[in-house]
Amino acid sequence: MKTKLRLLGAAASLAFAAGPALADITVGYFLEWPMPFQYAKATGMYDEALGETVNWVSFDAGTAMSAAMASGDVQISVSQGVPPFVVAASAGQDLQVLDVAVSYSDNDNCVVASALEIDKNSAGELEGKKVAVPLGTAAHYGFLKQMDHFGVPLDSLEIVDMAPPDGAAAFAQGAVDMACGWGGSLRRMKEHGNVLLTGAEKEELGILVFDVTSAPAGWVAENSDVAAKFLKVTAEANAMWADEANHAEMLPVIAKDAGMDEEATMETISTFVFPTVDDQLKAKWLGGGAQEFMKGVAQVFVEAGSIDAAKDSYENAVNTGPLQAAHGM
């Protein structure tokens, strides 16, 4: 676990070795993670708004994004996972969250075997059951919060550390009674069971599953106007996607840029929520909820032995200035 969570400088270096020459601003993102911003990326909306050609570099891990930002090779990372952001910030890297890139509470959850016939009204019956959980992840944090909500003592459960693909396989074989994970693994888990809480119900409890747009604090301080323009384009692309009339035009472009076929792209993106700027600035998100969530994730990592210590507060790890400026443009 510690190896996975450490900053992967070598991975970042390899990404740049294969990439094009650096522009004035370089932005990291993920392939096979389709989002509206990719329509703006592919059609030149960012280049036009910023008055320069943006260099885009793909990564396969949020830890590598952190390493690239630490070295100055990347100025902005789109859809960096909260766990790797928290790991870097907890280790002293001066990163800041600039917006909520995507929420996917329905794409990260725990599933109970159908044969047990346990739902949110009978969750107490989970006592004594065997659970597959990927320790040190947001899924682990969500599991802990759900068990606390339902009053299920952790010491009454047999908790096994399993990556989601392994957990899904064990769940399908009946080797565990409950499994937690995300993405394709979660979809496979749902073939053999049911969730206790929906994404919306989890959010009401403060169990958030989201990615952020992040950047080095020093760069943001010197380029707040650039950050604001970037976030404004992202918000415009999200607003476009929110209107289903634009899907026919946007979907093929997003799919191509994400390296996916259109069917898989739609299946994935339909589980995503892209909060409006107004919503992001409210207490649920950047007005306090995200900071509290990061503290919770950090504590999970401390308990798992993945990081040495959590920060006293993650308030300074969020900078809403550029987003507020973008909102006023």
Foldseek 3Di string as FASTA:
>chain_A
DLVQLAQDQVQLVVQVVPFDDADPAEEEEAFPQFDLVLLCLLVVVLCVLLVHNYGYTYGDALSPVLNCQQVVNHFKYAFRWLLSLQQSVQVPFQKAFAFFRWWQLQFWAKWFFVVVVDALVRVLVCFQFEEEEQFLDLSNLLVVLSCVVSVHDPVRYHYDRDALQVRLVCLVVVVGRMYTYGDPSVVSNVVGGGGRDGSVRSLVSLSTTTGGMMGRPVSCVVPLVSLLSSVLSSLVSLVQVVPVVCCVVRQVSSQVSSVHDSVSSCVNCVSIDGDHLVVCCDCSHLVPSVFVVSQSSQVSCCVVVNHVHGDPTCNSNYDHVSSVVSVVD
